[in-house]
Amino acid sequence: MKRERREFLADVGKGMLVATVGTSLATELGLEQVCAREENDRLEFGDIGPLVDMMENTPIAKLQAAVVEKHTAGADLKTLTAAAALANARAFGGQDYDGYHTFMALGPALEMARELPAQQKLLPLLKVFYRNTNRIQTTGTNEKEVLRRIEAAQRSGVKPDGNMLQQATRGADFDHAEELFAVLASATPNEAYNHLQFAIQDEVDVHRTVLAWRSWMMLDVTGKQHAHTLLRQSLRYCVDAEQRRIKNNSSASAIRDLLPKLLTEFGLEGRTLGSQELSDAALNELTQVIFSEDRAQAARAVAEALADGVAADAIGEALSLAANRLLLHDPGMLAKYASPAKPTGSVHGASVGVHAMDSANAWRNIAKVSNHRNQVASLIVGAFHTAGQTRNVGPNPIGYAAQAEQLRSTDSTALIAELTGAVRSGSQLRACAAVYELHRKQAPAESVFTALLPFAVSEDGALHAEKFYRTVREEFVKTRPSLRWNHLIALARVTASEFGNPAPGQEEARKLLGIA
């Protein structure tokens, strides 16, 4: 934005936001920085600020020791995670591929830590903190942070809303979008998040969707006083994506026209959501439509189901199971695209199935915390997002059921050993077969999660290990007992795929924590 426009907006908006919402509320919402631009426009974070600066600027060779020292001195895991998240948001602002992947891993790593014995709890967090600080420093973003304090200019007689924010992001205008969102963020975080969804729903992109969900989830860690900072990442991601789309002369997603048509056609904005559950047969039918049909047909099927009174959770279950089929049908990385970190046949990282499952998880979680309009919209867009991808997978799941025949006489303890051995040898088929047979023997699911968690901690996973582990954890409990083990089979497959590439810094972290 030109300096003249900045000066004008500062004159118009100076003090307006704080005067409107009150100093105490502005401080509570983390909006004390959203005012006329000052000479020093660096984002500051109050009492947690020194920890945030530590996460940005500690030399990478000293970072893990510094974190352990802080933890020993009393900084709890939640506070350390909050500091890393705020450092990431300030540095990258949702505009760096490795950066936002690292942000999306922080919340899942904290959840993983809660599953581990006391001595090991810091291990998954050290892994992501190391990645976070290393990326900040190697890109130089600790010297040129993306998120700065911004102006909020509330224009006379015009109250911004989600539609206006959507138009600003479609216009690929960072400054205008930021101005509008700063005003929207002066209300409650929930209201700001609902307005933001109009921009999120404009394209189907795993990073756009998961970043939006993980940013909201992170508010439970940082506190909602930092809502504006964390949610700005998603806004800037959307604007950045639109700039790239325009530059590349790419077409906008068909969902932009389809979503409002379906909302109107089925009267969904004014219709109370139903509570009708789906039988196994009906669930399978909807799952198959989302899995196998084109995107427009899948979106329409979900809109029709919502209009017929099908419960939102049942539709979310179908989204999740359709995405799971994509992973279990995936033939794996083609040789022409393979690399040492993602060899031929691998399915970890940015595979169709991992992306689909993470996206479905994000859409249904966003639906849970959104208002009525965005709940139905998220499920429709989630179906559109998941569908239309069978060209990337085979007609049938990989043959783990047949492989399991060889394990029928094996008891549960030996099957867990078979599972861990299969992971270490990189045998996806054997790992899936072991979990399939554990399910047949009615083994406790926790024994499988316990066996697979250490690998989600130790391995790099092409930036996806922590997030995907949590996706499966969450989707397992949301899925009916007769089908939920499909998610564990998928986790076993991805875990075997990713084994063999330990995360940077893990050896040092284990020594610091005294873990063999």
Protein backbone atom coordinates (compact mmCIF):
# COMPACT_ATOMS: atom_id res chain seq x y z
CA MET A 1 0.00 0.00 0.00
CA LYS A 2 1.33 3.45 -0.87
CA ARG A 3 2.55 5.64 2.00
CA GLU A 4 -0.10 8.29 1.21
CA ARG A 5 -2.87 5.70 1.70
CA ARG A 6 -1.27 4.51 4.92
CA GLU A 7 -1.20 8.07 6.26
CA PHE A 8 -4.82 8.64 5.25
CA LEU A 9 -5.98 5.41 6.86
CA ALA A 10 -4.01 6.16 9.99
CA ASP A 11 -5.69 9.57 10.21
CA VAL A 12 -9.13 8.02 9.70
CA GLY A 13 -8.64 5.04 11.94
CA LYS A 14 -6.29 6.29 14.62
CA GLY A 15 -7.60 5.25 17.96
CA MET A 16 -10.99 4.28 16.54
CA LEU A 17 -10.71 0.58 17.29
CA VAL A 18 -9.48 1.00 20.84
CA ALA A 19 -12.03 3.73 21.45
CA THR A 20 -14.77 1.47 20.10
CA VAL A 21 -13.99 -1.71 22.03
CA GLY A 22 -12.27 -0.21 25.06
CA THR A 23 -8.65 -0.48 26.12
CA SER A 24 -9.11 -3.49 28.38
CA LEU A 25 -10.98 -5.51 25.75
CA ALA A 26 -8.50 -4.53 23.05
CA THR A 27 -5.70 -5.78 25.27
CA GLU A 28 -7.60 -8.99 26.09
CA LEU A 29 -8.10 -9.70 22.38
CA GLY A 30 -4.45 -9.04 21.54
CA LEU A 31 -5.46 -6.00 19.50
CA GLU A 32 -3.50 -3.34 21.31
CA GLN A 33 -1.17 -3.44 18.29
CA VAL A 34 -4.06 -2.84 15.87
CA CYS A 35 -3.97 0.93 15.78
CA ALA A 36 -2.25 3.75 13.95
CA ARG A 37 1.19 2.67 12.76
CA GLU A 38 4.01 3.56 15.12
CA GLU A 39 7.68 3.99 14.39
CA ASN A 40 8.41 0.54 15.87
CA ASP A 41 5.78 -1.79 14.43
CA ARG A 42 7.19 -5.09 15.69
CA LEU A 43 4.64 -7.44 17.26
CA GLU A 44 5.27 -7.91 20.97
CA PHE A 45 3.73 -10.55 23.22
CA GLY A 46 3.93 -9.29 26.79
CA ASP A 47 5.16 -11.66 29.48
CA ILE A 48 5.74 -14.52 27.07
CA GLY A 49 7.76 -12.26 24.75
CA PRO A 50 11.23 -13.31 26.01
CA LEU A 51 10.39 -16.97 25.37
CA VAL A 52 9.12 -16.10 21.88
CA ASP A 53 12.38 -14.26 21.16
CA MET A 54 14.32 -17.25 22.48
CA MET A 55 12.52 -19.52 20.01
CA GLU A 56 13.45 -17.19 17.17
CA ASN A 57 17.03 -16.24 17.97
CA THR A 58 18.77 -18.94 20.00
CA PRO A 59 21.49 -20.48 17.80
CA ILE A 60 20.15 -23.80 16.59
CA ALA A 61 23.03 -25.74 18.16
CA LYS A 62 22.01 -24.39 21.58
CA LEU A 63 18.23 -24.34 21.21
CA GLN A 64 17.29 -27.74 22.62
CA ALA A 65 19.53 -27.33 25.66
CA ALA A 66 18.00 -23.89 26.25
CA VAL A 67 14.47 -25.33 26.06
CA VAL A 68 15.33 -28.14 28.48
CA GLU A 69 16.81 -25.58 30.85
CA LYS A 70 13.67 -23.42 30.68
CA HIS A 71 11.47 -26.47 31.25
CA THR A 72 13.56 -27.57 34.23
CA ALA A 73 13.25 -24.05 35.64
CA GLY A 74 9.46 -24.22 35.49
CA ALA A 75 8.26 -23.38 31.97
CA ASP A 76 5.54 -25.93 31.24
CA LEU A 77 5.02 -27.66 27.89
CA LYS A 78 1.98 -25.53 27.02
CA THR A 79 3.87 -22.26 27.56
CA LEU A 80 6.85 -23.44 25.52
CA THR A 81 4.52 -24.50 22.70
CA ALA A 82 2.72 -21.16 22.80
CA ALA A 83 6.05 -19.34 22.47
CA ALA A 84 7.06 -21.45 19.47
CA ALA A 85 3.66 -20.87 17.81
CA LEU A 86 3.82 -17.10 18.25
CA ALA A 87 7.40 -17.03 16.99
CA ASN A 88 6.33 -18.97 13.91
CA ALA A 89 3.30 -16.77 13.23
CA ARG A 90 5.28 -13.55 13.59
CA ALA A 91 8.12 -14.81 11.42
CA PHE A 92 6.18 -16.44 8.57
CA GLY A 93 2.63 -15.11 8.69
CA GLY A 94 1.33 -18.24 6.94
CA GLN A 95 3.48 -17.62 3.85
CA ASP A 96 6.28 -20.18 4.04
CA TYR A 97 5.71 -23.84 3.10
CA ASP A 98 7.98 -25.39 5.73
CA GLY A 99 6.97 -22.64 8.14
CA TYR A 100 3.26 -23.27 8.16
CA HIS A 101 3.77 -27.03 8.14
CA THR A 102 5.83 -26.60 11.29
CA PHE A 103 3.14 -24.44 12.90
CA MET A 104 0.54 -27.11 12.09
CA ALA A 105 2.74 -29.72 13.84
CA LEU A 106 3.02 -27.84 17.15
CA GLY A 107 -0.45 -28.60 18.55
CA PRO A 108 -0.29 -32.29 17.57
CA ALA A 109 3.19 -32.56 19.12
CA LEU A 110 1.84 -31.18 22.40
CA GLU A 111 -0.99 -33.74 22.33
CA MET A 112 1.53 -36.51 21.61
CA ALA A 113 3.61 -35.35 24.57
CA ARG A 114 0.63 -35.92 26.86
CA GLU A 115 0.57 -39.60 25.84
CA LEU A 116 4.21 -40.24 26.74
CA PRO A 117 5.94 -41.14 30.04
CA ALA A 118 7.24 -38.18 32.05
CA GLN A 119 10.86 -38.50 30.92
CA GLN A 120 9.86 -38.48 27.23
CA LYS A 121 7.16 -35.78 27.18
CA LEU A 122 9.46 -33.06 25.88
CA LEU A 123 10.78 -35.24 23.03
CA PRO A 124 8.11 -34.62 20.33
CA LEU A 125 8.10 -30.91 21.15
CA LEU A 126 11.88 -30.59 20.93
CA LYS A 127 11.60 -32.17 17.49
CA VAL A 128 9.19 -29.50 16.24
CA PHE A 129 10.87 -26.62 18.12
CA TYR A 130 14.15 -27.56 16.41
CA ARG A 131 12.46 -27.56 13.01
CA ASN A 132 10.73 -24.28 13.81
CA THR A 133 13.78 -22.31 14.92
CA ASN A 134 15.97 -23.78 12.21
CA ARG A 135 13.51 -22.70 9.51
CA ILE A 136 13.13 -19.22 10.98
CA GLN A 137 16.89 -18.74 11.01
CA THR A 138 17.79 -20.35 7.68
CA THR A 139 15.19 -18.22 5.89
CA GLY A 140 16.26 -15.08 7.75
CA THR A 141 12.72 -14.36 8.87
CA ASN A 142 13.92 -13.62 12.40
CA GLU A 143 15.43 -10.49 10.82
CA LYS A 144 12.45 -9.62 8.58
CA GLU A 145 9.32 -10.89 10.31
CA VAL A 146 6.18 -11.02 8.15
CA LEU A 147 3.56 -10.06 10.74
CA ARG A 148 3.83 -6.46 11.92
CA ARG A 149 1.57 -4.17 13.85
CA ILE A 150 -1.09 -2.87 11.50
CA GLU A 151 -3.63 -0.10 11.16
CA ALA A 152 -7.33 -0.66 11.58
CA ALA A 153 -9.40 1.88 9.72
CA GLN A 154 -13.12 1.46 10.31
CA ARG A 155 -14.93 3.31 7.57
CA SER A 156 -17.93 5.42 8.44
CA GLY A 157 -21.21 3.57 7.96
CA VAL A 158 -19.57 0.37 6.68
CA LYS A 159 -19.33 -2.68 8.92
CA PRO A 160 -17.00 -5.32 7.49
CA ASP A 161 -18.25 -8.90 7.19
CA GLY A 162 -17.20 -12.23 5.73
CA ASN A 163 -18.39 -11.30 2.25
CA MET A 164 -16.27 -8.16 2.23
CA LEU A 165 -13.28 -10.10 3.51
CA GLN A 166 -13.81 -12.70 0.80
CA GLN A 167 -13.84 -10.01 -1.89
CA ALA A 168 -10.65 -8.50 -0.50
CA THR A 169 -8.87 -11.87 -0.61
CA ARG A 170 -10.18 -12.48 -4.14
CA GLY A 171 -8.73 -9.09 -5.03
CA ALA A 172 -5.34 -10.38 -3.78
CA ASP A 173 -4.98 -7.20 -1.71
CA PHE A 174 -2.98 -7.87 1.46
CA ASP A 175 -3.42 -4.40 2.92
CA HIS A 176 -7.17 -4.13 2.37
CA ALA A 177 -7.78 -7.67 3.65
CA GLU A 178 -5.64 -7.00 6.74
CA GLU A 179 -7.48 -3.72 7.44
CA LEU A 180 -10.86 -5.42 7.27
CA PHE A 181 -9.80 -8.37 9.39
CA ALA A 182 -8.29 -6.11 12.05
CA VAL A 183 -11.72 -4.55 12.53
CA LEU A 184 -13.46 -7.95 12.44
CA ALA A 185 -11.02 -9.22 15.07
CA SER A 186 -12.12 -6.45 17.42
CA ALA A 187 -15.21 -8.56 18.10
CA THR A 188 -14.98 -11.99 19.71
CA PRO A 189 -12.49 -14.50 18.27
CA ASN A 190 -15.45 -16.75 17.37
CA GLU A 191 -17.04 -14.01 15.28
CA ALA A 192 -13.76 -13.19 13.55
CA TYR A 193 -13.23 -16.89 12.79
CA ASN A 194 -16.67 -17.20 11.23
CA HIS A 195 -16.03 -14.22 8.97
CA LEU A 196 -12.68 -15.74 7.98
CA GLN A 197 -14.37 -18.93 6.77
CA PHE A 198 -15.75 -17.16 3.70
CA ALA A 199 -12.18 -16.86 2.42
CA ILE A 200 -11.18 -20.37 3.55
CA GLN A 201 -14.11 -21.90 1.61
CA ASP A 202 -13.01 -20.28 -1.67
CA GLU A 203 -10.53 -23.01 -2.64
CA VAL A 204 -9.89 -26.65 -1.74
CA ASP A 205 -6.30 -26.81 -0.60
CA VAL A 206 -5.11 -28.94 2.29
CA HIS A 207 -2.80 -26.27 3.68
CA ARG A 208 -5.46 -23.57 3.54
CA THR A 209 -7.89 -25.79 5.44
CA VAL A 210 -5.60 -27.41 7.99
CA LEU A 211 -3.82 -24.15 8.80
CA ALA A 212 -7.20 -22.56 9.51
CA TRP A 213 -8.14 -25.39 11.87
CA ARG A 214 -4.77 -25.69 13.63
CA SER A 215 -4.64 -21.90 14.13
CA TRP A 216 -7.98 -22.03 15.93
CA MET A 217 -6.95 -25.09 17.93
CA MET A 218 -3.76 -23.28 19.01
CA LEU A 219 -5.82 -20.61 20.80
CA ASP A 220 -6.33 -23.14 23.59
CA VAL A 221 -2.56 -23.08 24.00
CA THR A 222 -1.67 -19.41 23.52
CA GLY A 223 -4.89 -17.95 24.91
CA LYS A 224 -7.50 -16.09 22.88
CA GLN A 225 -5.72 -12.79 23.49
CA HIS A 226 -3.52 -13.85 20.57
CA ALA A 227 -6.42 -14.71 18.25
CA HIS A 228 -5.75 -11.89 15.81
CA THR A 229 -2.08 -12.86 15.42
CA LEU A 230 -2.77 -16.54 14.84
CA LEU A 231 -5.77 -16.13 12.54
CA ARG A 232 -3.98 -13.56 10.38
CA GLN A 233 -1.85 -16.44 9.13
CA SER A 234 -4.83 -17.99 7.39
CA LEU A 235 -5.94 -14.68 5.95
CA ARG A 236 -2.50 -14.01 4.49
CA TYR A 237 -2.28 -17.57 3.18
CA CYS A 238 -5.52 -16.99 1.24
CA VAL A 239 -4.34 -13.68 -0.22
CA ASP A 240 -0.95 -15.15 -1.12
CA ALA A 241 -2.64 -18.12 -2.83
CA GLU A 242 -4.87 -15.76 -4.80
CA GLN A 243 -1.89 -13.73 -5.95
CA ARG A 244 -0.21 -16.92 -7.18
CA ARG A 245 -3.40 -18.07 -8.90
CA ILE A 246 -3.72 -14.78 -10.77
CA LYS A 247 -0.02 -14.71 -11.66
CA ASN A 248 -0.24 -18.25 -13.06
CA ASN A 249 -3.49 -17.44 -14.90
CA SER A 250 -5.17 -20.41 -13.18
CA SER A 251 -8.93 -20.81 -12.94
CA ALA A 252 -10.66 -20.25 -9.62
CA SER A 253 -12.18 -23.33 -7.98
CA ALA A 254 -15.71 -24.23 -9.07
CA ILE A 255 -16.70 -24.27 -5.40
CA ARG A 256 -16.95 -20.48 -5.47
CA ASP A 257 -20.06 -20.67 -7.62
CA LEU A 258 -21.32 -24.07 -6.48
CA LEU A 259 -21.44 -23.43 -2.72
CA PRO A 260 -23.86 -20.46 -2.77
CA LYS A 261 -26.04 -22.28 -5.31
CA LEU A 262 -26.35 -25.35 -3.09
CA LEU A 263 -26.98 -23.31 0.05
CA THR A 264 -29.82 -21.54 -1.74
CA GLU A 265 -31.23 -24.54 -3.60
CA PHE A 266 -31.57 -26.63 -0.43
CA GLY A 267 -32.43 -23.71 1.85
CA LEU A 268 -29.63 -24.69 4.19
CA GLU A 269 -28.89 -21.30 5.72
CA GLY A 270 -32.36 -21.13 7.23
CA ARG A 271 -32.85 -24.81 7.96
CA THR A 272 -32.28 -26.33 11.38
CA LEU A 273 -29.78 -29.16 11.19
CA GLY A 274 -31.17 -32.62 11.74
CA SER A 275 -30.03 -35.42 14.03
CA GLN A 276 -30.70 -38.45 11.81
CA GLU A 277 -28.03 -41.10 12.12
CA LEU A 278 -26.98 -43.25 9.17
CA SER A 279 -27.14 -47.03 9.10
CA ASP A 280 -23.95 -48.82 8.11
CA ALA A 281 -25.38 -49.33 4.61
CA ALA A 282 -26.41 -45.68 4.23
CA LEU A 283 -23.05 -44.51 5.56
CA ASN A 284 -21.24 -46.74 3.08
CA GLU A 285 -23.37 -45.37 0.24
CA LEU A 286 -22.57 -41.74 1.09
CA THR A 287 -18.91 -42.59 1.67
CA GLN A 288 -18.74 -44.23 -1.77
CA VAL A 289 -20.30 -41.20 -3.45
CA ILE A 290 -17.73 -38.88 -1.86
CA PHE A 291 -14.92 -41.30 -2.67
CA SER A 292 -15.80 -42.15 -6.26
CA GLU A 293 -17.93 -39.39 -7.81
CA ASP A 294 -16.81 -36.03 -9.14
CA ARG A 295 -16.56 -33.09 -6.80
CA ALA A 296 -19.81 -31.38 -7.76
CA GLN A 297 -21.80 -34.61 -7.30
CA ALA A 298 -20.26 -35.23 -3.88
CA ALA A 299 -20.98 -31.68 -2.73
CA ARG A 300 -24.58 -31.98 -3.92
CA ALA A 301 -25.00 -35.35 -2.15
CA VAL A 302 -23.91 -33.80 1.15
CA ALA A 303 -26.16 -30.75 0.67
CA GLU A 304 -29.09 -33.07 -0.02
CA ALA A 305 -28.28 -35.19 3.03
CA LEU A 306 -28.19 -32.10 5.23
CA ALA A 307 -31.54 -30.98 3.81
CA ASP A 308 -32.94 -34.45 4.58
CA GLY A 309 -31.98 -34.09 8.22
CA VAL A 310 -28.83 -36.23 8.35
CA ALA A 311 -26.71 -35.30 11.36
CA ALA A 312 -23.57 -33.25 10.74
CA ASP A 313 -21.44 -35.82 12.61
CA ALA A 314 -22.67 -38.61 10.32
CA ILE A 315 -21.67 -36.60 7.26
CA GLY A 316 -18.29 -35.87 8.82
CA GLU A 317 -17.85 -39.61 9.37
CA ALA A 318 -18.49 -40.21 5.65
CA LEU A 319 -15.92 -37.55 4.70
CA SER A 320 -13.33 -39.15 6.94
CA LEU A 321 -13.94 -42.69 5.68
CA ALA A 322 -13.85 -41.59 2.03
CA ALA A 323 -10.48 -39.94 2.64
CA ASN A 324 -9.29 -43.09 4.40
CA ARG A 325 -10.17 -45.12 1.29
CA LEU A 326 -7.96 -42.85 -0.78
CA LEU A 327 -5.02 -43.70 1.46
CA LEU A 328 -5.68 -47.43 1.55
CA HIS A 329 -6.16 -47.54 -2.24
CA ASP A 330 -3.05 -45.48 -2.99
CA PRO A 331 -0.42 -47.40 -5.01
CA GLY A 332 2.26 -45.14 -3.52
CA MET A 333 4.81 -42.74 -4.90
CA LEU A 334 5.57 -43.26 -8.59
CA ALA A 335 9.22 -43.87 -9.46
CA LYS A 336 9.44 -40.73 -11.59
CA TYR A 337 8.55 -38.54 -8.58
CA ALA A 338 10.50 -40.47 -5.93
CA SER A 339 13.26 -39.01 -3.77
CA PRO A 340 15.45 -40.37 -0.94
CA ALA A 341 13.03 -38.96 1.64
CA LYS A 342 9.97 -40.27 -0.24
CA PRO A 343 10.98 -43.39 -2.18
CA THR A 344 8.95 -45.30 -4.73
CA GLY A 345 5.81 -46.73 -3.15
CA SER A 346 5.82 -44.38 -0.15
CA VAL A 347 2.60 -42.75 1.07
CA HIS A 348 3.82 -40.45 3.85
CA GLY A 349 4.10 -36.70 3.47
CA ALA A 350 2.11 -35.01 0.75
CA SER A 351 0.34 -38.12 -0.55
CA VAL A 352 -3.24 -38.03 -1.78
CA GLY A 353 -4.49 -40.06 1.19
CA VAL A 354 -2.60 -38.23 3.95
CA HIS A 355 -3.70 -34.89 2.53
CA ALA A 356 -7.29 -36.08 2.17
CA MET A 357 -7.49 -37.41 5.74
CA ASP A 358 -5.92 -34.29 7.24
CA SER A 359 -8.28 -32.09 5.19
CA ALA A 360 -11.42 -34.05 6.12
CA ASN A 361 -10.39 -33.88 9.78
CA ALA A 362 -9.95 -30.10 9.51
CA TRP A 363 -13.26 -29.49 7.69
CA ARG A 364 -15.32 -31.42 10.22
CA ASN A 365 -13.52 -29.77 13.15
CA ILE A 366 -14.09 -26.31 11.68
CA ALA A 367 -17.75 -27.23 11.26
CA LYS A 368 -17.92 -28.12 14.96
CA VAL A 369 -16.75 -24.68 16.15
CA SER A 370 -18.52 -22.56 13.51
CA ASN A 371 -21.92 -20.92 13.26
CA HIS A 372 -24.80 -22.58 11.39
CA ARG A 373 -23.98 -21.19 7.95
CA ASN A 374 -20.33 -22.21 8.16
CA GLN A 375 -21.13 -25.61 9.63
CA VAL A 376 -23.16 -26.64 6.57
CA ALA A 377 -20.76 -24.85 4.20
CA SER A 378 -17.72 -26.62 5.69
CA LEU A 379 -19.28 -30.05 5.21
CA ILE A 380 -20.28 -29.27 1.61
CA VAL A 381 -16.85 -27.89 0.75
CA GLY A 382 -15.25 -30.80 2.62
CA ALA A 383 -17.08 -33.25 0.34
CA PHE A 384 -16.07 -31.27 -2.74
CA HIS A 385 -12.47 -31.31 -1.46
CA THR A 386 -12.32 -35.06 -0.76
CA ALA A 387 -14.04 -36.16 -3.98
CA GLY A 388 -12.68 -36.33 -7.51
CA GLN A 389 -9.35 -37.90 -6.62
CA THR A 390 -9.80 -41.57 -7.53
CA ARG A 391 -7.69 -41.02 -10.66
CA ASN A 392 -4.72 -41.00 -8.26
CA VAL A 393 -5.46 -44.37 -6.63
CA GLY A 394 -6.26 -47.97 -7.53
CA PRO A 395 -9.72 -49.56 -7.71
CA ASN A 396 -9.09 -51.74 -4.65
CA PRO A 397 -7.27 -51.39 -1.34
CA ILE A 398 -3.76 -52.77 -1.07
CA GLY A 399 -3.83 -56.48 -0.24
CA TYR A 400 -3.36 -56.44 3.51
CA ALA A 401 -6.40 -58.67 4.19
CA ALA A 402 -4.87 -61.54 2.20
CA GLN A 403 -1.51 -60.96 3.87
CA ALA A 404 -3.19 -61.22 7.26
CA GLU A 405 -4.13 -64.85 6.53
CA GLN A 406 -0.50 -65.73 7.29
CA LEU A 407 -0.86 -64.25 10.79
CA ARG A 408 -4.02 -66.02 11.94
CA SER A 409 -2.27 -68.26 14.47
CA THR A 410 -0.28 -65.39 16.00
CA ASP A 411 -1.33 -64.01 19.39
CA SER A 412 -1.75 -60.30 20.11
CA THR A 413 1.66 -59.83 21.77
CA ALA A 414 3.41 -61.40 18.81
CA LEU A 415 1.29 -59.32 16.41
CA ILE A 416 2.47 -56.10 18.06
CA ALA A 417 6.04 -57.33 17.60
CA GLU A 418 5.17 -58.14 13.97
CA LEU A 419 3.81 -54.61 13.57
CA THR A 420 6.91 -52.87 14.93
CA GLY A 421 9.16 -55.17 12.90
CA ALA A 422 7.19 -54.36 9.75
CA VAL A 423 7.51 -50.63 10.42
CA ARG A 424 11.27 -50.92 10.92
CA SER A 425 11.64 -52.86 7.68
CA GLY A 426 9.44 -50.38 5.81
CA SER A 427 6.87 -53.05 4.90
CA GLN A 428 3.58 -51.21 4.55
CA LEU A 429 1.65 -54.34 3.63
CA ARG A 430 2.87 -56.34 6.66
CA ALA A 431 2.19 -53.43 9.00
CA CYS A 432 -1.37 -53.09 7.72
CA ALA A 433 -1.90 -56.85 7.91
CA ALA A 434 -0.74 -56.93 11.53
CA VAL A 435 -3.22 -54.22 12.54
CA TYR A 436 -5.99 -55.87 10.52
CA GLU A 437 -5.40 -59.13 12.41
CA LEU A 438 -5.14 -57.34 15.76
CA HIS A 439 -8.61 -55.97 15.07
CA ARG A 440 -9.90 -59.47 14.26
CA LYS A 441 -8.50 -60.67 17.58
CA GLN A 442 -10.21 -57.74 19.38
CA ALA A 443 -6.92 -56.46 20.73
CA PRO A 444 -7.09 -53.08 22.51
CA ALA A 445 -6.57 -50.20 20.11
CA GLU A 446 -4.33 -48.48 22.66
CA SER A 447 -1.74 -51.21 22.22
CA VAL A 448 -1.46 -50.24 18.55
CA PHE A 449 -1.28 -46.50 19.23
CA THR A 450 1.37 -47.16 21.88
CA ALA A 451 3.41 -49.18 19.38
CA LEU A 452 3.18 -46.55 16.64
CA LEU A 453 3.60 -43.35 18.67
CA PRO A 454 7.40 -43.62 19.11
CA PHE A 455 7.83 -43.65 15.34
CA ALA A 456 5.64 -40.57 14.93
CA VAL A 457 8.04 -38.92 17.40
CA SER A 458 11.36 -40.13 15.99
CA GLU A 459 10.76 -39.86 12.24
CA ASP A 460 10.74 -36.74 10.10
CA GLY A 461 7.66 -37.87 8.15
CA ALA A 462 8.20 -35.22 5.45
CA LEU A 463 6.64 -32.59 7.77
CA HIS A 464 3.45 -34.63 8.35
CA ALA A 465 4.20 -37.22 11.07
CA GLU A 466 2.77 -35.35 14.07
CA LYS A 467 -0.27 -33.97 12.29
CA PHE A 468 -1.25 -37.28 10.72
CA TYR A 469 -0.87 -39.18 13.99
CA ARG A 470 -3.29 -36.75 15.62
CA THR A 471 -5.69 -36.93 12.67
CA VAL A 472 -5.95 -40.69 13.15
CA ARG A 473 -6.25 -40.35 16.93
CA GLU A 474 -9.18 -37.96 16.52
CA GLU A 475 -10.93 -39.75 13.67
CA PHE A 476 -10.66 -43.15 15.38
CA VAL A 477 -12.84 -42.08 18.31
CA LYS A 478 -15.33 -40.27 16.05
CA THR A 479 -15.91 -43.32 13.85
CA ARG A 480 -18.28 -46.17 14.69
CA PRO A 481 -16.59 -49.29 16.13
CA SER A 482 -17.27 -51.43 13.05
CA LEU A 483 -15.18 -49.10 10.85
CA ARG A 484 -12.78 -47.16 13.06
CA TRP A 485 -9.92 -49.65 12.70
CA ASN A 486 -9.56 -48.60 9.06
CA HIS A 487 -7.94 -45.44 10.44
CA LEU A 488 -5.43 -47.46 12.48
CA ILE A 489 -4.58 -49.54 9.41
CA ALA A 490 -3.90 -46.29 7.56
CA LEU A 491 -1.66 -45.07 10.39
CA ALA A 492 0.30 -48.31 10.31
CA ARG A 493 0.82 -47.91 6.57
CA VAL A 494 2.03 -44.32 6.82
CA THR A 495 4.28 -45.15 9.78
CA ALA A 496 6.00 -47.95 7.85
CA SER A 497 6.32 -45.64 4.86
CA GLU A 498 8.02 -42.84 6.80
CA PHE A 499 10.45 -44.97 8.81
CA GLY A 500 14.15 -44.53 8.04
CA ASN A 501 14.44 -40.74 8.05
CA PRO A 502 14.97 -39.63 11.68
CA ALA A 503 14.06 -36.05 12.46
CA PRO A 504 16.96 -33.60 12.74
CA GLY A 505 18.01 -32.96 16.32
CA GLN A 506 16.50 -36.14 17.74
CA GLU A 507 19.78 -37.72 18.77
CA GLU A 508 20.78 -34.60 20.70
CA ALA A 509 17.31 -34.36 22.27
CA ARG A 510 17.45 -37.94 23.53
CA LYS A 511 20.85 -37.35 25.11
CA LEU A 512 19.64 -34.18 26.82
CA LEU A 513 16.63 -36.05 28.23
CA GLY A 514 18.60 -39.18 29.15
CA ILE A 515 16.56 -41.42 26.84
CA ALA A 516 18.24 -44.49 25.34
